[in-house]
């Protein structure tokens, strides 16, 4: 899969250095993946939450951080919609949040 706007994740791990190895591991897995449907994601990331509008929530670093992406299965692309702490995640609507670029 191709990850669009990966710089968002890099900027995040500069602010939260403990997230870096966990986000890098997620990036490695996502790049190797060939997701065609939500169940393909659940095979690798059992704790991922599948939302409507092709969105998926990933727990990063034992649920310390949350990553929301939109997956364009047909195009093999992942769009970063949100990365934040669990507390920041609790304050947003995961189904509508958009990253400010």
PDB file of N, CA and C in Angstrom:
ATOM      1  N   UNK A   1       0.850  -1.173   0.000  1.00  0.00           N
ATOM      2  CA  UNK A   1       0.000   0.000   0.000  1.00  0.00           C
ATOM      3  C   UNK A   1       0.899   1.241   0.000  1.00  0.00           C
ATOM      4  N   UNK A   2       0.383   2.288  -0.563  1.00  0.00           N
ATOM      5  CA  UNK A   2       1.095   3.562  -0.593  1.00  0.00           C
ATOM      6  C   UNK A   2       0.482   4.460   0.476  1.00  0.00           C
ATOM      7  N   UNK A   3       1.331   5.032   1.315  1.00  0.00           N
ATOM      8  CA  UNK A   3       0.869   5.905   2.395  1.00  0.00           C
ATOM      9  C   UNK A   3       1.029   7.351   1.940  1.00  0.00           C
ATOM     10  N   UNK A   4      -0.079   8.063   1.869  1.00  0.00           N
ATOM     11  CA  UNK A   4      -0.083   9.455   1.429  1.00  0.00           C
ATOM     12  C   UNK A   4       0.105  10.358   2.647  1.00  0.00           C
ATOM     13  N   UNK A   5       1.005  11.324   2.523  1.00  0.00           N
ATOM     14  CA  UNK A   5       1.279  12.322   3.569  1.00  0.00           C
ATOM     15  C   UNK A   5       1.924  11.698   4.809  1.00  0.00           C
ATOM     16  N   UNK A   6       2.907  10.837   4.577  1.00  0.00           N
ATOM     17  CA  UNK A   6       3.610  10.170   5.673  1.00  0.00           C
ATOM     18  C   UNK A   6       4.342  11.176   6.574  1.00  0.00           C
ATOM     19  N   UNK A   7       4.595  12.367   6.058  1.00  0.00           N
ATOM     20  CA  UNK A   7       5.256  13.408   6.846  1.00  0.00           C
ATOM     21  C   UNK A   7       4.470  13.723   8.121  1.00  0.00           C
ATOM     22  N   UNK A   8       3.170  13.567   8.073  1.00  0.00           N
ATOM     23  CA  UNK A   8       2.336  13.790   9.257  1.00  0.00           C
ATOM     24  C   UNK A   8       2.787  12.872  10.389  1.00  0.00           C
ATOM     25  N   UNK A   9       3.082  11.630  10.073  1.00  0.00           N
ATOM     26  CA  UNK A   9       3.531  10.676  11.093  1.00  0.00           C
ATOM     27  C   UNK A   9       4.918  11.048  11.601  1.00  0.00           C
ATOM     28  N   UNK A  10       5.795  11.457  10.702  1.00  0.00           N
ATOM     29  CA  UNK A  10       7.143  11.865  11.111  1.00  0.00           C
ATOM     30  C   UNK A  10       7.096  13.086  12.026  1.00  0.00           C
ATOM     31  N   UNK A  11       6.255  14.047  11.684  1.00  0.00           N
ATOM     32  CA  UNK A  11       6.102  15.232  12.540  1.00  0.00           C
ATOM     33  C   UNK A  11       5.574  14.838  13.922  1.00  0.00           C
ATOM     34  N   UNK A  12       4.682  13.856  13.944  1.00  0.00           N
ATOM     35  CA  UNK A  12       4.117  13.405  15.215  1.00  0.00           C
ATOM     36  C   UNK A  12       5.185  12.769  16.090  1.00  0.00           C
ATOM     37  N   UNK A  13       6.036  11.897  15.519  1.00  0.00           N
ATOM     38  CA  UNK A  13       7.021  11.228  16.362  1.00  0.00           C
ATOM     39  C   UNK A  13       8.130  12.166  16.804  1.00  0.00           C
ATOM     40  N   UNK A  14       8.264  13.314  16.187  1.00  0.00           N
ATOM     41  CA  UNK A  14       9.190  14.323  16.714  1.00  0.00           C
ATOM     42  C   UNK A  14       8.626  14.884  18.020  1.00  0.00           C
ATOM     43  N   UNK A  15       7.308  15.108  18.057  1.00  0.00           N
ATOM     44  CA  UNK A  15       6.664  15.598  19.283  1.00  0.00           C
ATOM     45  C   UNK A  15       6.540  14.510  20.347  1.00  0.00           C
ATOM     46  N   UNK A  16       6.353  13.274  19.908  1.00  0.00           N
ATOM     47  CA  UNK A  16       6.170  12.133  20.818  1.00  0.00           C
ATOM     48  C   UNK A  16       7.174  11.040  20.441  1.00  0.00           C
ATOM     49  N   UNK A  17       8.433  11.184  20.864  1.00  0.00           N
ATOM     50  CA  UNK A  17       9.490  10.252  20.433  1.00  0.00           C
ATOM     51  C   UNK A  17       9.205   8.776  20.744  1.00  0.00           C
ATOM     52  N   UNK A  18       8.471   8.486  21.811  1.00  0.00           N
ATOM     53  CA  UNK A  18       8.187   7.083  22.140  1.00  0.00           C
ATOM     54  C   UNK A  18       7.275   6.431  21.103  1.00  0.00           C
ATOM     55  N   UNK A  19       6.608   7.245  20.311  1.00  0.00           N
ATOM     56  CA  UNK A  19       5.729   6.683  19.285  1.00  0.00           C
ATOM     57  C   UNK A  19       6.498   6.209  18.050  1.00  0.00           C
ATOM     58  N   UNK A  20       7.703   6.712  17.874  1.00  0.00           N
ATOM     59  CA  UNK A  20       8.438   6.469  16.627  1.00  0.00           C
ATOM     60  C   UNK A  20       8.596   4.995  16.250  1.00  0.00           C
ATOM     61  N   UNK A  21       9.156   4.151  17.110  1.00  0.00           N
ATOM     62  CA  UNK A  21       9.344   2.759  16.665  1.00  0.00           C
ATOM     63  C   UNK A  21       8.013   2.060  16.362  1.00  0.00           C
ATOM     64  N   UNK A  22       6.978   2.440  17.054  1.00  0.00           N
ATOM     65  CA  UNK A  22       5.671   1.815  16.842  1.00  0.00           C
ATOM     66  C   UNK A  22       5.048   2.287  15.531  1.00  0.00           C
ATOM     67  N   UNK A  23       5.199   3.578  15.227  1.00  0.00           N
ATOM     68  CA  UNK A  23       4.706   4.090  13.948  1.00  0.00           C
ATOM     69  C   UNK A  23       5.535   3.546  12.787  1.00  0.00           C
ATOM     70  N   UNK A  24       6.836   3.440  12.972  1.00  0.00           N
ATOM     71  CA  UNK A  24       7.675   2.862  11.919  1.00  0.00           C
ATOM     72  C   UNK A  24       7.285   1.411  11.648  1.00  0.00           C
ATOM     73  N   UNK A  25       6.968   0.668  12.689  1.00  0.00           N
ATOM     74  CA  UNK A  25       6.527  -0.720  12.512  1.00  0.00           C
ATOM     75  C   UNK A  25       5.199  -0.762  11.749  1.00  0.00           C
ATOM     76  N   UNK A  26       4.279   0.143  12.098  1.00  0.00           N
ATOM     77  CA  UNK A  26       3.001   0.217  11.375  1.00  0.00           C
ATOM     78  C   UNK A  26       3.248   0.552   9.903  1.00  0.00           C
ATOM     79  N   UNK A  27       4.112   1.526   9.641  1.00  0.00           N
ATOM     80  CA  UNK A  27       4.440   1.920   8.267  1.00  0.00           C
ATOM     81  C   UNK A  27       4.990   0.729   7.484  1.00  0.00           C
ATOM     82  N   UNK A  28       5.913  -0.004   8.080  1.00  0.00           N
ATOM     83  CA  UNK A  28       6.495  -1.177   7.406  1.00  0.00           C
ATOM     84  C   UNK A  28       5.419  -2.194   7.044  1.00  0.00           C
ATOM     85  N   UNK A  29       4.527  -2.490   7.986  1.00  0.00           N
ATOM     86  CA  UNK A  29       3.461  -3.461   7.726  1.00  0.00           C
ATOM     87  C   UNK A  29       2.503  -2.952   6.653  1.00  0.00           C
ATOM     88  N   UNK A  30       2.131  -1.681   6.749  1.00  0.00           N
ATOM     89  CA  UNK A  30       1.174  -1.123   5.797  1.00  0.00           C
ATOM     90  C   UNK A  30       1.762  -1.075   4.389  1.00  0.00           C
ATOM     91  N   UNK A  31       3.022  -0.733   4.264  1.00  0.00           N
ATOM     92  CA  UNK A  31       3.649  -0.682   2.930  1.00  0.00           C
ATOM     93  C   UNK A  31       3.722  -2.055   2.278  1.00  0.00           C
ATOM     94  N   UNK A  32       3.928  -3.091   3.070  1.00  0.00           N
ATOM     95  CA  UNK A  32       4.011  -4.454   2.540  1.00  0.00           C
ATOM     96  C   UNK A  32       2.641  -5.021   2.195  1.00  0.00           C
ATOM     97  N   UNK A  33       1.598  -4.448   2.776  1.00  0.00           N
ATOM     98  CA  UNK A  33       0.249  -5.000   2.650  1.00  0.00           C
ATOM     99  C   UNK A  33      -0.345  -4.765   1.263  1.00  0.00           C
ATOM    100  N   UNK A  34      -1.337  -5.568   0.956  1.00  0.00           N
ATOM    101  CA  UNK A  34      -2.128  -5.411  -0.260  1.00  0.00           C
ATOM    102  C   UNK A  34      -3.589  -5.594   0.140  1.00  0.00           C
ATOM    103  N   UNK A  35      -4.108  -4.610   0.840  1.00  0.00           N
ATOM    104  CA  UNK A  35      -5.468  -4.701   1.366  1.00  0.00           C
ATOM    105  C   UNK A  35      -6.484  -4.489   0.261  1.00  0.00           C
ATOM    106  N   UNK A  36      -7.380  -5.421   0.144  1.00  0.00           N
ATOM    107  CA  UNK A  36      -8.461  -5.338  -0.844  1.00  0.00           C
ATOM    108  C   UNK A  36      -9.813  -5.087  -0.187  1.00  0.00           C
ATOM    109  N   UNK A  37      -9.876  -5.364   1.117  1.00  0.00           N
ATOM    110  CA  UNK A  37     -11.120  -5.189   1.864  1.00  0.00           C
ATOM    111  C   UNK A  37     -10.778  -5.090   3.354  1.00  0.00           C
ATOM    112  N   UNK A  38     -11.712  -4.591   4.164  1.00  0.00           N
ATOM    113  CA  UNK A  38     -11.421  -4.400   5.592  1.00  0.00           C
ATOM    114  C   UNK A  38     -10.951  -5.667   6.323  1.00  0.00           C
ATOM    115  N   UNK A  39     -11.460  -6.820   5.929  1.00  0.00           N
ATOM    116  CA  UNK A  39     -11.043  -8.054   6.616  1.00  0.00           C
ATOM    117  C   UNK A  39      -9.553  -8.331   6.429  1.00  0.00           C
ATOM    118  N   UNK A  40      -8.967  -7.843   5.336  1.00  0.00           N
ATOM    119  CA  UNK A  40      -7.524  -8.008   5.130  1.00  0.00           C
ATOM    120  C   UNK A  40      -6.744  -7.254   6.203  1.00  0.00           C
ATOM    121  N   UNK A  41      -7.237  -6.101   6.591  1.00  0.00           N
ATOM    122  CA  UNK A  41      -6.592  -5.309   7.641  1.00  0.00           C
ATOM    123  C   UNK A  41      -6.696  -6.037   8.974  1.00  0.00           C
ATOM    124  N   UNK A  42      -7.883  -6.569   9.261  1.00  0.00           N
ATOM    125  CA  UNK A  42      -8.108  -7.251  10.535  1.00  0.00           C
ATOM    126  C   UNK A  42      -7.238  -8.499  10.679  1.00  0.00           C
ATOM    127  N   UNK A  43      -6.826  -9.081   9.568  1.00  0.00           N
ATOM    128  CA  UNK A  43      -5.955 -10.248   9.613  1.00  0.00           C
ATOM    129  C   UNK A  43      -4.608  -9.888  10.242  1.00  0.00           C
ATOM    130  N   UNK A  44      -4.106  -8.700   9.903  1.00  0.00           N
ATOM    131  CA  UNK A  44      -2.800  -8.254  10.412  1.00  0.00           C
ATOM    132  C   UNK A  44      -2.938  -7.478  11.723  1.00  0.00           C
ATOM    133  N   UNK A  45      -3.923  -6.609  11.776  1.00  0.00           N
ATOM    134  CA  UNK A  45      -4.143  -5.739  12.940  1.00  0.00           C
ATOM    135  C   UNK A  45      -5.491  -6.089  13.568  1.00  0.00           C
ATOM    136  N   UNK A  46      -5.500  -7.094  14.433  1.00  0.00           N
ATOM    137  CA  UNK A  46      -6.747  -7.582  15.027  1.00  0.00           C
ATOM    138  C   UNK A  46      -7.487  -6.518  15.827  1.00  0.00           C
ATOM    139  N   UNK A  47      -6.746  -5.569  16.413  1.00  0.00           N
ATOM    140  CA  UNK A  47      -7.381  -4.549  17.242  1.00  0.00           C
ATOM    141  C   UNK A  47      -7.810  -3.315  16.457  1.00  0.00           C
ATOM    142  N   UNK A  48      -7.614  -3.318  15.159  1.00  0.00           N
ATOM    143  CA  UNK A  48      -8.049  -2.186  14.347  1.00  0.00           C
ATOM    144  C   UNK A  48      -9.572  -2.110  14.367  1.00  0.00           C
ATOM    145  N   UNK A  49     -10.089  -0.898  14.357  1.00  0.00           N
ATOM    146  CA  UNK A  49     -11.537  -0.690  14.312  1.00  0.00           C
ATOM    147  C   UNK A  49     -11.913  -0.209  12.917  1.00  0.00           C
ATOM    148  N   UNK A  50     -12.822  -0.916  12.289  1.00  0.00           N
ATOM    149  CA  UNK A  50     -13.282  -0.564  10.954  1.00  0.00           C
ATOM    150  C   UNK A  50     -14.495   0.352  11.103  1.00  0.00           C
ATOM    151  N   UNK A  51     -14.400   1.548  10.521  1.00  0.00           N
ATOM    152  CA  UNK A  51     -15.488   2.513  10.555  1.00  0.00           C
ATOM    153  C   UNK A  51     -16.102   2.641   9.169  1.00  0.00           C
ATOM    154  N   UNK A  52     -17.165   3.422   9.063  1.00  0.00           N
ATOM    155  CA  UNK A  52     -17.721   3.667   7.727  1.00  0.00           C
ATOM    156  C   UNK A  52     -16.833   4.632   6.966  1.00  0.00           C
ATOM    157  N   UNK A  53     -17.136   4.851   5.713  1.00  0.00           N
ATOM    158  CA  UNK A  53     -16.361   5.722   4.827  1.00  0.00           C
ATOM    159  C   UNK A  53     -14.923   5.245   4.654  1.00  0.00           C
ATOM    160  N   UNK A  54     -14.714   3.929   4.650  1.00  0.00           N
ATOM    161  CA  UNK A  54     -13.396   3.313   4.427  1.00  0.00           C
ATOM    162  C   UNK A  54     -12.370   3.700   5.487  1.00  0.00           C
ATOM    163  N   UNK A  55     -12.801   4.149   6.627  1.00  0.00           N
ATOM    164  CA  UNK A  55     -11.870   4.579   7.675  1.00  0.00           C
ATOM    165  C   UNK A  55     -11.534   3.424   8.611  1.00  0.00           C
ATOM    166  N   UNK A  56     -10.301   3.496   9.110  1.00  0.00           N
ATOM    167  CA  UNK A  56      -9.818   2.475  10.040  1.00  0.00           C
ATOM    168  C   UNK A  56      -9.067   3.192  11.159  1.00  0.00           C
ATOM    169  N   UNK A  57      -9.292   2.733  12.388  1.00  0.00           N
ATOM    170  CA  UNK A  57      -8.580   3.262  13.550  1.00  0.00           C
ATOM    171  C   UNK A  57      -7.604   2.192  14.022  1.00  0.00           C
ATOM    172  N   UNK A  58      -6.336   2.590  14.139  1.00  0.00           N
ATOM    173  CA  UNK A  58      -5.291   1.698  14.627  1.00  0.00           C
ATOM    174  C   UNK A  58      -4.839   2.148  16.010  1.00  0.00           C
ATOM    175  N   UNK A  59      -4.663   1.200  16.902  1.00  0.00           N
ATOM    176  CA  UNK A  59      -4.079   1.466  18.211  1.00  0.00           C
ATOM    177  C   UNK A  59      -2.567   1.367  18.063  1.00  0.00           C
ATOM    178  N   UNK A  60      -1.881   2.426  18.460  1.00  0.00           N
ATOM    179  CA  UNK A  60      -0.426   2.474  18.334  1.00  0.00           C
ATOM    180  C   UNK A  60       0.184   2.516  19.722  1.00  0.00           C
ATOM    181  N   UNK A  61       1.221   1.725  19.927  1.00  0.00           N
ATOM    182  CA  UNK A  61       1.933   1.638  21.211  1.00  0.00           C
ATOM    183  C   UNK A  61       0.977   1.287  22.352  1.00  0.00           C
ATOM    184  N   UNK A  62       0.352   0.141  22.201  1.00  0.00           N
ATOM    185  CA  UNK A  62      -0.520  -0.338  23.264  1.00  0.00           C
ATOM    186  C   UNK A  62      -1.667   0.595  23.567  1.00  0.00           C
ATOM    187  N   UNK A  63      -2.162   1.271  22.540  1.00  0.00           N
ATOM    188  CA  UNK A  63      -3.308   2.164  22.666  1.00  0.00           C
ATOM    189  C   UNK A  63      -2.958   3.522  23.272  1.00  0.00           C
ATOM    190  N   UNK A  64      -1.667   3.850  23.391  1.00  0.00           N
ATOM    191  CA  UNK A  64      -1.280   5.195  23.851  1.00  0.00           C
ATOM    192  C   UNK A  64      -1.626   6.237  22.797  1.00  0.00           C
ATOM    193  N   UNK A  65      -1.565   5.826  21.528  1.00  0.00           N
ATOM    194  CA  UNK A  65      -1.820   6.731  20.410  1.00  0.00           C
ATOM    195  C   UNK A  65      -2.841   6.094  19.489  1.00  0.00           C
ATOM    196  N   UNK A  66      -3.541   6.948  18.764  1.00  0.00           N
ATOM    197  CA  UNK A  66      -4.534   6.459  17.804  1.00  0.00           C
ATOM    198  C   UNK A  66      -4.234   7.046  16.432  1.00  0.00           C
ATOM    199  N   UNK A  67      -4.328   6.208  15.437  1.00  0.00           N
ATOM    200  CA  UNK A  67      -4.105   6.590  14.055  1.00  0.00           C
ATOM    201  C   UNK A  67      -5.374   6.281  13.273  1.00  0.00           C
ATOM    202  N   UNK A  68      -5.903   7.302  12.589  1.00  0.00           N
ATOM    203  CA  UNK A  68      -7.077   7.110  11.739  1.00  0.00           C
ATOM    204  C   UNK A  68      -6.639   7.312  10.298  1.00  0.00           C
ATOM    205  N   UNK A  69      -7.006   6.357   9.466  1.00  0.00           N
ATOM    206  CA  UNK A  69      -6.691   6.447   8.046  1.00  0.00           C
ATOM    207  C   UNK A  69      -7.951   6.168   7.237  1.00  0.00           C
ATOM    208  N   UNK A  70      -7.933   6.623   5.991  1.00  0.00           N
ATOM    209  CA  UNK A  70      -8.938   6.221   5.012  1.00  0.00           C
ATOM    210  C   UNK A  70      -8.199   5.368   3.994  1.00  0.00           C
ATOM    211  N   UNK A  71      -8.780   4.243   3.663  1.00  0.00           N
ATOM    212  CA  UNK A  71      -8.132   3.311   2.750  1.00  0.00           C
ATOM    213  C   UNK A  71      -8.868   3.307   1.405  1.00  0.00           C
ATOM    214  N   UNK A  72      -8.132   3.593   0.347  1.00  0.00           N
ATOM    215  CA  UNK A  72      -8.664   3.495  -1.010  1.00  0.00           C
ATOM    216  C   UNK A  72      -8.223   2.128  -1.538  1.00  0.00           C
ATOM    217  N   UNK A  73      -9.026   1.127  -1.282  1.00  0.00           N
ATOM    218  CA  UNK A  73      -8.655  -0.247  -1.597  1.00  0.00           C
ATOM    219  C   UNK A  73      -8.337  -0.434  -3.077  1.00  0.00           C
ATOM    220  N   UNK A  74      -9.140   0.138  -3.948  1.00  0.00           N
ATOM    221  CA  UNK A  74      -8.938  -0.024  -5.389  1.00  0.00           C
ATOM    222  C   UNK A  74      -7.619   0.549  -5.870  1.00  0.00           C
ATOM    223  N   UNK A  75      -7.169   1.618  -5.229  1.00  0.00           N
ATOM    224  CA  UNK A  75      -5.953   2.309  -5.663  1.00  0.00           C
ATOM    225  C   UNK A  75      -4.729   1.931  -4.831  1.00  0.00           C
ATOM    226  N   UNK A  76      -4.933   1.140  -3.782  1.00  0.00           N
ATOM    227  CA  UNK A  76      -3.817   0.734  -2.941  1.00  0.00           C
ATOM    228  C   UNK A  76      -3.205   1.886  -2.172  1.00  0.00           C
ATOM    229  N   UNK A  77      -4.047   2.800  -1.696  1.00  0.00           N
ATOM    230  CA  UNK A  77      -3.544   3.991  -1.013  1.00  0.00           C
ATOM    231  C   UNK A  77      -4.165   4.133   0.373  1.00  0.00           C
ATOM    232  N   UNK A  78      -3.359   4.688   1.273  1.00  0.00           N
ATOM    233  CA  UNK A  78      -3.790   4.957   2.652  1.00  0.00           C
ATOM    234  C   UNK A  78      -3.608   6.455   2.883  1.00  0.00           C
ATOM    235  N   UNK A  79      -4.671   7.112   3.325  1.00  0.00           N
ATOM    236  CA  UNK A  79      -4.634   8.544   3.596  1.00  0.00           C
ATOM    237  C   UNK A  79      -4.718   8.781   5.101  1.00  0.00           C
ATOM    238  N   UNK A  80      -3.741   9.484   5.642  1.00  0.00           N
ATOM    239  CA  UNK A  80      -3.715   9.778   7.070  1.00  0.00           C
ATOM    240  C   UNK A  80      -4.781  10.837   7.360  1.00  0.00           C
ATOM    241  N   UNK A  81      -5.677  10.534   8.287  1.00  0.00           N
ATOM    242  CA  UNK A  81      -6.734  11.473   8.664  1.00  0.00           C
ATOM    243  C   UNK A  81      -6.493  12.077  10.045  1.00  0.00           C
ATOM    244  N   UNK A  82      -5.808  11.303  10.918  1.00  0.00           N
ATOM    245  CA  UNK A  82      -5.568  11.781  12.283  1.00  0.00           C
ATOM    246  C   UNK A  82      -4.503  10.919  12.930  1.00  0.00           C
ATOM    247  N   UNK A  83      -3.645  11.551  13.701  1.00  0.00           N
ATOM    248  CA  UNK A  83      -2.734  10.849  14.609  1.00  0.00           C
ATOM    249  C   UNK A  83      -2.709  11.679  15.879  1.00  0.00           C
ATOM    250  N   UNK A  84      -2.877  11.023  17.002  1.00  0.00           N
ATOM    251  CA  UNK A  84      -2.885  11.759  18.257  1.00  0.00           C
ATOM    252  C   UNK A  84      -2.849  10.830  19.449  1.00  0.00           C
ATOM    253  N   UNK A  85      -2.805  11.438  20.608  1.00  0.00           N
ATOM    254  CA  UNK A  85      -2.852  10.665  21.845  1.00  0.00           C
ATOM    255  C   UNK A  85      -4.261  10.111  22.022  1.00  0.00           C
ATOM    256  N   UNK A  86      -4.385   9.188  22.929  1.00  0.00           N
ATOM    257  CA  UNK A  86      -5.709   8.625  23.202  1.00  0.00           C
ATOM    258  C   UNK A  86      -6.659   9.730  23.666  1.00  0.00           C
ATOM    259  N   UNK A  87      -6.177  10.648  24.504  1.00  0.00           N
ATOM    260  CA  UNK A  87      -7.016  11.750  24.990  1.00  0.00           C
ATOM    261  C   UNK A  87      -7.450  12.659  23.839  1.00  0.00           C
ATOM    262  N   UNK A  88      -6.541  12.936  22.901  1.00  0.00           N
ATOM    263  CA  UNK A  88      -6.897  13.753  21.737  1.00  0.00           C
ATOM    264  C   UNK A  88      -7.930  13.037  20.866  1.00  0.00           C
ATOM    265  N   UNK A  89      -7.772  11.736  20.739  1.00  0.00           N
ATOM    266  CA  UNK A  89      -8.715  10.937  19.965  1.00  0.00           C
ATOM    267  C   UNK A  89     -10.110  11.013  20.575  1.00  0.00           C
ATOM    268  N   UNK A  90     -10.186  10.973  21.887  1.00  0.00           N
ATOM    269  CA  UNK A  90     -11.479  11.017  22.560  1.00  0.00           C
ATOM    270  C   UNK A  90     -12.229  12.322  22.298  1.00  0.00           C
ATOM    271  N   UNK A  91     -11.512  13.361  21.876  1.00  0.00           N
ATOM    272  CA  UNK A  91     -12.118  14.683  21.675  1.00  0.00           C
ATOM    273  C   UNK A  91     -12.550  14.932  20.225  1.00  0.00           C
ATOM    274  N   UNK A  92     -12.368  13.956  19.333  1.00  0.00           N
ATOM    275  CA  UNK A  92     -12.686  14.170  17.924  1.00  0.00           C
ATOM    276  C   UNK A  92     -13.733  13.164  17.450  1.00  0.00           C
ATOM    277  N   UNK A  93     -14.265  13.400  16.256  1.00  0.00           N
ATOM    278  CA  UNK A  93     -15.175  12.452  15.612  1.00  0.00           C
ATOM    279  C   UNK A  93     -14.362  11.673  14.578  1.00  0.00           C
ATOM    280  N   UNK A  94     -14.103  10.422  14.864  1.00  0.00           N
ATOM    281  CA  UNK A  94     -13.236   9.602  14.016  1.00  0.00           C
ATOM    282  C   UNK A  94     -13.790   9.427  12.602  1.00  0.00           C
ATOM    283  N   UNK A  95     -15.084   9.572  12.426  1.00  0.00           N
ATOM    284  CA  UNK A  95     -15.685   9.358  11.116  1.00  0.00           C
ATOM    285  C   UNK A  95     -15.631  10.581  10.212  1.00  0.00           C
ATOM    286  N   UNK A  96     -15.295  11.749  10.780  1.00  0.00           N
ATOM    287  CA  UNK A  96     -15.293  12.962   9.960  1.00  0.00           C
ATOM    288  C   UNK A  96     -14.002  13.772  10.036  1.00  0.00           C
ATOM    289  N   UNK A  97     -13.123  13.457  10.969  1.00  0.00           N
ATOM    290  CA  UNK A  97     -11.888  14.252  11.157  1.00  0.00           C
ATOM    291  C   UNK A  97     -11.058  14.262   9.872  1.00  0.00           C
ATOM    292  N   UNK A  98     -10.478  15.397   9.572  1.00  0.00           N
ATOM    293  CA  UNK A  98      -9.564  15.541   8.430  1.00  0.00           C
ATOM    294  C   UNK A  98      -8.292  16.186   8.937  1.00  0.00           C
ATOM    295  N   UNK A  99      -7.148  15.723   8.464  1.00  0.00           N
ATOM    296  CA  UNK A  99      -5.857  16.298   8.841  1.00  0.00           C
ATOM    297  C   UNK A  99      -5.712  17.653   8.177  1.00  0.00           C
ATOM    298  N   UNK A 100      -5.191  18.605   8.915  1.00  0.00           N
ATOM    299  CA  UNK A 100      -4.868  19.895   8.328  1.00  0.00           C
ATOM    300  C   UNK A 100      -3.446  19.823   7.805  1.00  0.00           C
ATOM    301  N   UNK A 101      -3.283  20.025   6.522  1.00  0.00           N
ATOM    302  CA  UNK A 101      -1.962  19.923   5.903  1.00  0.00           C
ATOM    303  C   UNK A 101      -1.300  21.269   5.821  1.00  0.00           C
TER     304      UNK A 101
END
